[in-house]
Structure formats: C-alpha cells, structure tokens
Amino acid sequence: MIFDEAQQAIANKIENNRDISKWRDWKWQLKHSVKSLDQFEKLTGIRFESKERDELLKTFDKFPLSVTPYYLSLLDKSDTISLVPENNERLQRRDNNDG
C-alpha cells in the first residue's frame, strides 16, 4: 500500500509496478535500500555538483549509505544533507577516536 505521491514516485522508479503492495514490508524496504550516490540521485531527482559528490563519496567510505525507500520518501529535498554526515562531522569523528 502506497500512502502518498512521494512514495509512489520512488516505488515506481524501483519497480515498474503501479500498485506495490510490499511497500510496508520491512524485508522489501531493506532489499531496496539505497546504497549508492547514483541510486540516491536517480530516485530523488537531486543532483550534486562534482565537488560535493567527491565529499559525499569520501563520507560514504567511512559511513556507508543505506536508506530505505520509506525514509527516502520523507526527505525534504531542500535539506538533503540531513541524511548524510557532513565533511566536518567525519573529521570530528576521526579526531575523537585518536585519543
């Protein structure tokens, strides 16, 4: 059961099926988790500039990306960075582990 247009749009991009009955199935959600920046951009329609992409990919080396379609559907497209640690957070984490 799909609840809103954002969920329907994401579901249609994942599976070419108008009525995805497994949207509420946690196994389906995990199976279709977004694990790459390319997949994130494809499903959300958000495009990152080259420099920002490079920084995000460095961040994903330390903190792997994994977002279920449901959580992706809740994303405020004007605040995409809320899903991923920013570069300074990545550096701060490394500094805190040093000692």
C-alpha atoms as a PDB file:
ATOM      1  CA  MET A   1       0.000   0.000   0.000  1.00  0.00           C
ATOM      2  CA  ILE A   2       1.409   3.354  -1.057  1.00  0.00           C
ATOM      3  CA  PHE A   3       0.359   6.361   1.007  1.00  0.00           C
ATOM      4  CA  ASP A   4       1.437   9.469  -0.883  1.00  0.00           C
ATOM      5  CA  GLU A   5       2.833  10.760  -4.165  1.00  0.00           C
ATOM      6  CA  ALA A   6       6.465  10.837  -2.971  1.00  0.00           C
ATOM      7  CA  GLN A   7       6.294   7.170  -2.006  1.00  0.00           C
ATOM      8  CA  GLN A   8       4.571   6.262  -5.263  1.00  0.00           C
ATOM      9  CA  ALA A   9       7.213   8.083  -7.318  1.00  0.00           C
ATOM     10  CA  ILE A  10      10.063   6.295  -5.546  1.00  0.00           C
ATOM     11  CA  ALA A  11       8.321   2.913  -5.731  1.00  0.00           C
ATOM     12  CA  ASN A  12       7.724   3.344  -9.472  1.00  0.00           C
ATOM     13  CA  LYS A  13      11.427   4.032 -10.021  1.00  0.00           C
ATOM     14  CA  ILE A  14      12.380   0.922  -8.032  1.00  0.00           C
ATOM     15  CA  GLU A  15       9.826  -1.446  -9.540  1.00  0.00           C
ATOM     16  CA  ASN A  16       7.803  -0.701 -12.624  1.00  0.00           C
ATOM     17  CA  ASN A  17       4.551  -1.546 -10.892  1.00  0.00           C
ATOM     18  CA  ARG A  18       1.735   0.899 -10.156  1.00  0.00           C
ATOM     19  CA  ASP A  19       0.486  -0.858  -7.020  1.00  0.00           C
ATOM     20  CA  ILE A  20       3.395  -2.015  -4.934  1.00  0.00           C
ATOM     21  CA  SER A  21       1.732  -3.925  -2.136  1.00  0.00           C
ATOM     22  CA  LYS A  22       5.016  -4.663  -0.401  1.00  0.00           C
ATOM     23  CA  TRP A  23       5.807  -1.019   0.443  1.00  0.00           C
ATOM     24  CA  ARG A  24       5.021  -1.726   4.120  1.00  0.00           C
ATOM     25  CA  ASP A  25       7.065  -4.954   4.177  1.00  0.00           C
ATOM     26  CA  TRP A  26      10.318  -4.356   6.090  1.00  0.00           C
ATOM     27  CA  LYS A  27      12.104  -7.044   4.052  1.00  0.00           C
ATOM     28  CA  TRP A  28      11.153  -5.284   0.810  1.00  0.00           C
ATOM     29  CA  GLN A  29      12.319  -1.981   2.298  1.00  0.00           C
ATOM     30  CA  LEU A  30      15.723  -3.409   3.283  1.00  0.00           C
ATOM     31  CA  LYS A  31      16.134  -5.213  -0.028  1.00  0.00           C
ATOM     32  CA  HIS A  32      15.583  -1.934  -1.884  1.00  0.00           C
ATOM     33  CA  SER A  33      17.686   0.274   0.402  1.00  0.00           C
ATOM     34  CA  VAL A  34      19.605   2.998  -1.394  1.00  0.00           C
ATOM     35  CA  LYS A  35      23.306   2.233  -1.069  1.00  0.00           C
ATOM     36  CA  SER A  36      24.941   4.404  -3.710  1.00  0.00           C
ATOM     37  CA  LEU A  37      25.015   8.080  -4.529  1.00  0.00           C
ATOM     38  CA  ASP A  38      23.978   7.358  -8.112  1.00  0.00           C
ATOM     39  CA  GLN A  39      20.926   5.458  -6.901  1.00  0.00           C
ATOM     40  CA  PHE A  40      20.115   8.256  -4.435  1.00  0.00           C
ATOM     41  CA  GLU A  41      20.243  10.839  -7.229  1.00  0.00           C
ATOM     42  CA  LYS A  42      18.143   8.669  -9.546  1.00  0.00           C
ATOM     43  CA  LEU A  43      15.381   8.077  -7.008  1.00  0.00           C
ATOM     44  CA  THR A  44      15.225  11.602  -5.588  1.00  0.00           C
ATOM     45  CA  GLY A  45      15.977  13.650  -8.704  1.00  0.00           C
ATOM     46  CA  ILE A  46      18.578  15.551  -6.676  1.00  0.00           C
ATOM     47  CA  ARG A  47      21.908  16.149  -8.437  1.00  0.00           C
ATOM     48  CA  PHE A  48      25.092  17.047  -6.588  1.00  0.00           C
ATOM     49  CA  GLU A  49      27.899  19.115  -8.051  1.00  0.00           C
ATOM     50  CA  SER A  50      31.228  17.403  -8.672  1.00  0.00           C
ATOM     51  CA  LYS A  51      32.973  18.748  -5.565  1.00  0.00           C
ATOM     52  CA  GLU A  52      30.016  17.910  -3.336  1.00  0.00           C
ATOM     53  CA  ARG A  53      29.816  14.411  -4.858  1.00  0.00           C
ATOM     54  CA  ASP A  54      33.500  13.853  -4.087  1.00  0.00           C
ATOM     55  CA  GLU A  55      32.979  14.897  -0.461  1.00  0.00           C
ATOM     56  CA  LEU A  56      29.918  12.694  -0.120  1.00  0.00           C
ATOM     57  CA  LEU A  57      31.755   9.706  -1.577  1.00  0.00           C
ATOM     58  CA  LYS A  58      34.582  10.242   0.949  1.00  0.00           C
ATOM     59  CA  THR A  59      31.990  10.343   3.700  1.00  0.00           C
ATOM     60  CA  PHE A  60      30.370   7.142   2.425  1.00  0.00           C
ATOM     61  CA  ASP A  61      33.765   5.422   2.616  1.00  0.00           C
ATOM     62  CA  LYS A  62      33.612   5.927   6.399  1.00  0.00           C
ATOM     63  CA  PHE A  63      29.834   5.868   6.874  1.00  0.00           C
ATOM     64  CA  PRO A  64      28.192   3.618   4.276  1.00  0.00           C
ATOM     65  CA  LEU A  65      24.965   4.921   2.820  1.00  0.00           C
ATOM     66  CA  SER A  66      21.870   2.827   3.419  1.00  0.00           C
ATOM     67  CA  VAL A  67      18.457   4.500   3.293  1.00  0.00           C
ATOM     68  CA  THR A  68      15.199   2.611   2.931  1.00  0.00           C
ATOM     69  CA  PRO A  69      12.728   3.830   0.316  1.00  0.00           C
ATOM     70  CA  TYR A  70      10.354   4.822   3.101  1.00  0.00           C
ATOM     71  CA  TYR A  71      12.891   7.153   4.728  1.00  0.00           C
ATOM     72  CA  LEU A  72      13.877   8.425   1.312  1.00  0.00           C
ATOM     73  CA  SER A  73      10.231   9.375   0.733  1.00  0.00           C
ATOM     74  CA  LEU A  74      10.328  11.540   3.884  1.00  0.00           C
ATOM     75  CA  LEU A  75      13.336  13.515   2.676  1.00  0.00           C
ATOM     76  CA  ASP A  76      12.914  17.260   2.486  1.00  0.00           C
ATOM     77  CA  LYS A  77      14.613  17.945  -0.844  1.00  0.00           C
ATOM     78  CA  SER A  78      15.680  21.375   0.372  1.00  0.00           C
ATOM     79  CA  ASP A  79      17.638  19.740   3.248  1.00  0.00           C
ATOM     80  CA  THR A  80      19.345  16.724   1.696  1.00  0.00           C
ATOM     81  CA  ILE A  81      22.427  16.945   3.857  1.00  0.00           C
ATOM     82  CA  SER A  82      20.385  15.903   6.914  1.00  0.00           C
ATOM     83  CA  LEU A  83      20.712  12.304   5.706  1.00  0.00           C
ATOM     84  CA  VAL A  84      24.486  12.195   5.479  1.00  0.00           C
ATOM     85  CA  PRO A  85      27.274  13.302   7.805  1.00  0.00           C
ATOM     86  CA  GLU A  86      28.924  16.484   6.627  1.00  0.00           C
ATOM     87  CA  ASN A  87      32.655  16.566   5.975  1.00  0.00           C
ATOM     88  CA  ASN A  88      33.398  18.364   9.284  1.00  0.00           C
ATOM     89  CA  GLU A  89      31.428  15.673  11.179  1.00  0.00           C
ATOM     90  CA  ARG A  90      33.525  12.985   9.507  1.00  0.00           C
ATOM     91  CA  LEU A  91      36.723  14.783  10.501  1.00  0.00           C
ATOM     92  CA  GLN A  92      35.475  15.397  14.028  1.00  0.00           C
ATOM     93  CA  ARG A  93      34.692  11.713  14.470  1.00  0.00           C
ATOM     94  CA  ARG A  94      38.196  10.749  13.364  1.00  0.00           C
ATOM     95  CA  ASP A  95      39.759  13.303  15.767  1.00  0.00           C
ATOM     96  CA  ASN A  96      37.677  11.989  18.675  1.00  0.00           C
ATOM     97  CA  ASN A  97      38.881   8.436  18.043  1.00  0.00           C
ATOM     98  CA  ASP A  98      42.545   9.468  18.116  1.00  0.00           C
ATOM     99  CA  GLY A  99      42.693   9.919  21.815  1.00  0.00           C
END
